[in-house]
Amino acid sequence: MAEAEKKSEDITTMDNHSPAPPSDVITTKDNHSPVPPSDVITTMDNHSPAPPALDLDRK
């Protein structure tokens, strides 16, 4: 194929995946942020550590 017969193809960019411009307000997507402390302290006695094992073989 001769150079004169080749078609010149225009290259167009696909900017569909370009980043969006920054917004004015910054909002965080932090759904796992800690809850503010309450006034009441609740103890979890069901989750207390086990007492040490008895050493019955020792005399």
Protein backbone atom coordinates (compact mmCIF):
# COMPACT_ATOMS: atom_id res chain seq x y z
CA MET A 1 0.00 0.00 0.00
CA ALA A 2 1.43 3.33 -0.97
CA GLU A 3 1.79 6.20 1.47
CA ALA A 4 -0.70 8.32 -0.49
CA GLU A 5 -3.38 5.65 -0.25
CA LYS A 6 -3.23 5.37 3.58
CA LYS A 7 -5.99 7.17 5.41
CA SER A 8 -5.00 9.55 8.13
CA GLU A 9 -6.77 8.43 11.28
CA ASP A 10 -7.46 11.00 13.93
CA ILE A 11 -6.72 9.90 17.46
CA THR A 12 -9.38 10.84 19.95
CA THR A 13 -8.90 10.31 23.65
CA MET A 14 -11.55 8.64 25.76
CA ASP A 15 -11.77 10.88 28.80
CA ASN A 16 -14.68 8.97 30.31
CA HIS A 17 -12.40 7.74 33.08
CA SER A 18 -10.81 11.04 33.95
CA PRO A 19 -11.05 12.13 37.60
CA ALA A 20 -13.82 14.49 38.59
CA PRO A 21 -12.87 18.02 39.59
CA PRO A 22 -12.69 18.60 43.36
CA SER A 23 -15.85 19.72 45.07
CA ASP A 24 -16.08 22.73 47.37
CA VAL A 25 -17.04 20.75 50.48
CA ILE A 26 -14.89 17.86 51.74
CA THR A 27 -16.91 15.01 53.20
CA THR A 28 -15.33 11.89 54.61
CA LYS A 29 -16.79 8.47 54.04
CA ASP A 30 -15.77 7.31 57.51
CA ASN A 31 -18.55 4.97 58.60
CA HIS A 32 -16.25 3.28 61.12
CA SER A 33 -15.51 6.31 63.24
CA PRO A 34 -15.77 5.79 67.00
CA VAL A 35 -18.93 6.77 68.79
CA PRO A 36 -18.56 9.69 71.19
CA PRO A 37 -18.34 8.52 74.81
CA SER A 38 -21.49 8.45 76.87
CA ASP A 39 -21.78 9.63 80.47
CA VAL A 40 -22.48 6.13 81.82
CA ILE A 41 -19.68 3.54 82.07
CA THR A 42 -20.86 0.02 81.36
CA THR A 43 -18.70 -2.89 82.45
CA MET A 44 -18.78 -6.15 80.56
CA ASP A 45 -18.58 -8.73 83.34
CA ASN A 46 -19.43 -11.55 80.96
CA HIS A 47 -16.09 -11.01 79.26
CA SER A 48 -13.91 -10.91 82.35
CA PRO A 49 -10.74 -13.00 82.25
CA ALA A 50 -10.83 -16.49 83.71
CA PRO A 51 -9.32 -16.97 87.17
CA PRO A 52 -5.98 -18.75 87.32
CA ALA A 53 -6.13 -22.54 87.36
CA LEU A 54 -5.89 -24.24 90.74
CA ASP A 55 -2.60 -26.00 91.34
CA LEU A 56 -3.94 -29.11 93.11
CA ASP A 57 -0.86 -31.29 92.46
CA ARG A 58 1.39 -29.02 94.45
CA LYS A 59 1.89 -30.06 98.10
